[in-house]
N, C-alpha and C. Protein backbone atom coordinates (compact mmCIF):
# COMPACT_ATOMS: atom_id res chain seq x y z
N MET A 1 35.78 31.97 43.53
CA MET A 1 37.01 31.30 43.15
C MET A 1 38.02 32.34 42.68
N PRO A 2 39.23 32.33 43.22
CA PRO A 2 40.23 33.31 42.80
C PRO A 2 40.71 33.08 41.37
N ILE A 3 41.14 34.13 40.75
CA ILE A 3 41.61 34.07 39.36
C ILE A 3 43.01 33.45 39.33
N ASP A 4 43.24 32.52 38.41
CA ASP A 4 44.55 31.91 38.22
C ASP A 4 45.31 32.74 37.18
N TYR A 5 46.15 33.65 37.66
CA TYR A 5 46.84 34.58 36.76
C TYR A 5 47.90 33.89 35.90
N SER A 6 48.34 32.69 36.28
CA SER A 6 49.31 31.98 35.46
C SER A 6 48.70 31.57 34.12
N ARG A 7 47.36 31.45 34.07
CA ARG A 7 46.68 31.13 32.80
C ARG A 7 46.69 32.32 31.85
N LEU A 8 46.98 33.51 32.36
CA LEU A 8 46.95 34.74 31.55
C LEU A 8 48.34 35.21 31.15
N ARG A 9 49.36 34.35 31.31
CA ARG A 9 50.73 34.78 31.01
C ARG A 9 50.92 35.18 29.56
N SER A 10 50.14 34.63 28.65
CA SER A 10 50.29 34.96 27.24
C SER A 10 49.42 36.13 26.81
N LEU A 11 48.76 36.78 27.76
CA LEU A 11 47.89 37.92 27.47
C LEU A 11 48.74 39.11 27.02
N THR A 12 48.51 39.59 25.81
CA THR A 12 49.27 40.72 25.29
C THR A 12 48.60 42.03 25.67
N ALA A 13 49.35 43.10 25.56
CA ALA A 13 48.82 44.43 25.85
C ALA A 13 47.67 44.76 24.90
N ARG A 14 47.78 44.35 23.66
CA ARG A 14 46.73 44.60 22.66
C ARG A 14 45.41 43.97 23.11
N LYS A 15 45.45 42.70 23.55
CA LYS A 15 44.23 42.01 23.99
C LYS A 15 43.67 42.63 25.26
N LEU A 16 44.55 43.03 26.18
CA LEU A 16 44.10 43.63 27.42
C LEU A 16 43.41 44.98 27.18
N ILE A 17 44.00 45.80 26.32
CA ILE A 17 43.40 47.10 26.00
C ILE A 17 42.07 46.91 25.27
N ARG A 18 42.00 45.93 24.38
CA ARG A 18 40.76 45.65 23.67
C ARG A 18 39.66 45.23 24.66
N ALA A 19 40.02 44.41 25.66
CA ALA A 19 39.05 43.98 26.67
C ALA A 19 38.62 45.15 27.55
N LEU A 20 39.55 46.03 27.90
CA LEU A 20 39.19 47.21 28.69
C LEU A 20 38.17 48.07 27.95
N LYS A 21 38.42 48.30 26.67
CA LYS A 21 37.50 49.13 25.87
C LYS A 21 36.16 48.44 25.70
N LYS A 22 36.16 47.11 25.55
CA LYS A 22 34.92 46.36 25.41
C LYS A 22 34.09 46.45 26.69
N ASP A 23 34.75 46.59 27.83
CA ASP A 23 34.06 46.68 29.12
C ASP A 23 33.64 48.10 29.46
N GLY A 24 33.95 49.06 28.60
CA GLY A 24 33.49 50.43 28.83
C GLY A 24 34.58 51.41 29.25
N PHE A 25 35.81 50.94 29.42
CA PHE A 25 36.91 51.85 29.75
C PHE A 25 37.27 52.66 28.51
N TYR A 26 37.78 53.84 28.72
CA TYR A 26 38.26 54.66 27.61
C TYR A 26 39.62 55.23 28.03
N GLU A 27 40.45 55.52 27.03
CA GLU A 27 41.77 56.06 27.32
C GLU A 27 41.62 57.53 27.68
N SER A 28 41.88 57.85 28.93
CA SER A 28 41.68 59.22 29.39
C SER A 28 42.88 60.11 29.09
N ARG A 29 44.08 59.53 29.15
CA ARG A 29 45.26 60.33 28.82
C ARG A 29 46.47 59.42 28.68
N ARG A 30 47.57 60.01 28.20
CA ARG A 30 48.85 59.31 28.07
C ARG A 30 49.94 60.20 28.63
N LYS A 31 50.94 59.57 29.21
CA LYS A 31 52.12 60.30 29.66
C LYS A 31 53.30 59.36 29.52
N GLY A 32 54.13 59.62 28.53
CA GLY A 32 55.25 58.74 28.25
C GLY A 32 54.75 57.37 27.83
N ALA A 33 55.25 56.34 28.52
CA ALA A 33 54.85 54.96 28.21
C ALA A 33 53.61 54.53 28.97
N ASN A 34 53.03 55.41 29.77
CA ASN A 34 51.86 55.08 30.56
C ASN A 34 50.58 55.49 29.86
N ARG A 35 49.63 54.55 29.85
CA ARG A 35 48.30 54.85 29.32
C ARG A 35 47.32 54.73 30.47
N PHE A 36 46.50 55.74 30.64
CA PHE A 36 45.55 55.80 31.73
C PHE A 36 44.15 55.57 31.18
N PHE A 37 43.45 54.60 31.75
CA PHE A 37 42.10 54.27 31.31
C PHE A 37 41.13 54.56 32.46
N ALA A 38 39.96 55.07 32.11
CA ALA A 38 38.93 55.38 33.09
C ALA A 38 37.62 54.73 32.66
N HIS A 39 36.78 54.46 33.63
CA HIS A 39 35.46 53.87 33.39
C HIS A 39 34.43 54.86 33.91
N PRO A 40 33.28 54.97 33.28
CA PRO A 40 32.25 55.91 33.75
C PRO A 40 31.84 55.71 35.21
N ASP A 41 32.01 54.49 35.76
CA ASP A 41 31.62 54.27 37.16
C ASP A 41 32.71 54.66 38.16
N GLY A 42 33.84 55.18 37.66
CA GLY A 42 34.89 55.69 38.55
C GLY A 42 36.13 54.84 38.64
N ARG A 43 36.10 53.61 38.13
CA ARG A 43 37.30 52.78 38.17
C ARG A 43 38.35 53.34 37.21
N THR A 44 39.61 53.23 37.59
CA THR A 44 40.71 53.65 36.71
C THR A 44 41.78 52.58 36.72
N THR A 45 42.54 52.53 35.66
CA THR A 45 43.67 51.60 35.57
C THR A 45 44.76 52.24 34.72
N THR A 46 45.98 51.85 34.99
CA THR A 46 47.15 52.36 34.28
C THR A 46 47.90 51.19 33.68
N ILE A 47 48.31 51.31 32.43
CA ILE A 47 49.10 50.29 31.77
C ILE A 47 50.40 50.92 31.29
N HIS A 48 51.51 50.35 31.73
CA HIS A 48 52.82 50.80 31.28
C HIS A 48 53.12 50.01 30.01
N LEU A 49 53.23 50.69 28.89
CA LEU A 49 53.23 50.03 27.59
C LEU A 49 54.35 50.55 26.70
N HIS A 50 55.15 49.62 26.17
CA HIS A 50 56.15 49.97 25.18
C HIS A 50 55.79 49.39 23.81
N LYS A 51 55.32 48.14 23.81
CA LYS A 51 54.90 47.49 22.57
C LYS A 51 53.55 46.83 22.80
N MET A 52 52.71 46.82 21.79
CA MET A 52 51.39 46.20 21.91
C MET A 52 51.50 44.69 22.05
N SER A 53 52.65 44.11 21.69
CA SER A 53 52.82 42.65 21.78
C SER A 53 53.41 42.22 23.12
N GLN A 54 53.69 43.15 24.01
CA GLN A 54 54.31 42.78 25.28
C GLN A 54 53.32 42.03 26.17
N THR A 55 53.87 41.15 27.00
CA THR A 55 53.06 40.42 27.98
C THR A 55 53.40 40.95 29.37
N PHE A 56 52.63 40.53 30.35
CA PHE A 56 52.78 41.07 31.70
C PHE A 56 53.09 39.96 32.69
N ALA A 57 53.80 40.30 33.75
CA ALA A 57 54.07 39.37 34.84
C ALA A 57 52.77 39.14 35.62
N PRO A 58 52.65 38.00 36.30
CA PRO A 58 51.42 37.72 37.06
C PRO A 58 51.09 38.80 38.10
N GLY A 59 52.07 39.36 38.75
CA GLY A 59 51.81 40.42 39.73
C GLY A 59 51.25 41.68 39.10
N THR A 60 51.74 42.01 37.92
CA THR A 60 51.23 43.17 37.19
C THR A 60 49.79 42.93 36.75
N LEU A 61 49.52 41.72 36.26
CA LEU A 61 48.15 41.37 35.87
C LEU A 61 47.22 41.42 37.06
N ARG A 62 47.69 40.96 38.21
CA ARG A 62 46.86 40.99 39.43
C ARG A 62 46.49 42.43 39.78
N ALA A 63 47.45 43.34 39.63
CA ALA A 63 47.19 44.75 39.94
C ALA A 63 46.20 45.35 38.94
N ILE A 64 46.40 45.08 37.65
CA ILE A 64 45.54 45.67 36.62
C ILE A 64 44.15 45.06 36.65
N ILE A 65 44.08 43.73 36.62
CA ILE A 65 42.80 43.04 36.50
C ILE A 65 42.04 42.97 37.82
N GLY A 66 42.71 42.56 38.87
CA GLY A 66 42.03 42.32 40.14
C GLY A 66 41.78 43.56 40.96
N GLN A 67 42.77 44.45 41.05
CA GLN A 67 42.65 45.61 41.93
C GLN A 67 42.09 46.83 41.21
N GLN A 68 42.61 47.15 40.03
CA GLN A 68 42.21 48.38 39.36
C GLN A 68 40.92 48.20 38.56
N ALA A 69 40.88 47.23 37.65
CA ALA A 69 39.67 47.02 36.83
C ALA A 69 38.59 46.29 37.62
N GLN A 70 38.97 45.58 38.67
CA GLN A 70 38.05 44.84 39.54
C GLN A 70 37.21 43.82 38.78
N TRP A 71 37.88 43.06 37.91
CA TRP A 71 37.20 42.03 37.15
C TRP A 71 37.22 40.72 37.93
N THR A 72 36.16 39.94 37.76
CA THR A 72 36.08 38.60 38.33
C THR A 72 36.40 37.59 37.23
N GLU A 73 36.44 36.33 37.60
CA GLU A 73 36.70 35.29 36.60
C GLU A 73 35.57 35.26 35.56
N ALA A 74 34.35 35.53 35.99
CA ALA A 74 33.21 35.58 35.05
C ALA A 74 33.39 36.73 34.05
N ASP A 75 33.90 37.86 34.52
CA ASP A 75 34.16 38.99 33.62
C ASP A 75 35.23 38.63 32.59
N LEU A 76 36.27 37.93 33.03
CA LEU A 76 37.33 37.53 32.10
C LEU A 76 36.81 36.58 31.04
N GLU A 77 35.92 35.68 31.41
CA GLU A 77 35.32 34.78 30.42
C GLU A 77 34.42 35.55 29.47
N ARG A 78 33.62 36.49 30.00
CA ARG A 78 32.74 37.31 29.16
C ARG A 78 33.52 38.13 28.15
N LEU A 79 34.71 38.62 28.56
CA LEU A 79 35.53 39.46 27.69
C LEU A 79 36.45 38.64 26.77
N GLY A 80 36.41 37.32 26.91
CA GLY A 80 37.20 36.45 26.03
C GLY A 80 38.65 36.35 26.41
N LEU A 81 39.00 36.61 27.65
CA LEU A 81 40.40 36.52 28.07
C LEU A 81 40.75 35.16 28.64
N LEU A 82 39.77 34.39 29.07
CA LEU A 82 40.00 33.03 29.58
C LEU A 82 39.45 32.00 28.62
């Protein structure tokens, strides 16, 4: 079942970063407003961040969650995002 990203519209950068770290990602580096996260299995993701309270557009969430972090709906439930 595909992920309904409209349900994640209120997801803040703080919650997303907390979920990334809970799943094993670590912040590998920073450059300006970009934070780069890496996972020991080789997955990487980038978050463009100005404030920890900012939210993301559905397309941005699709890129971060679906393509880069490669999370499924079960992963989102396990991490407390759904």
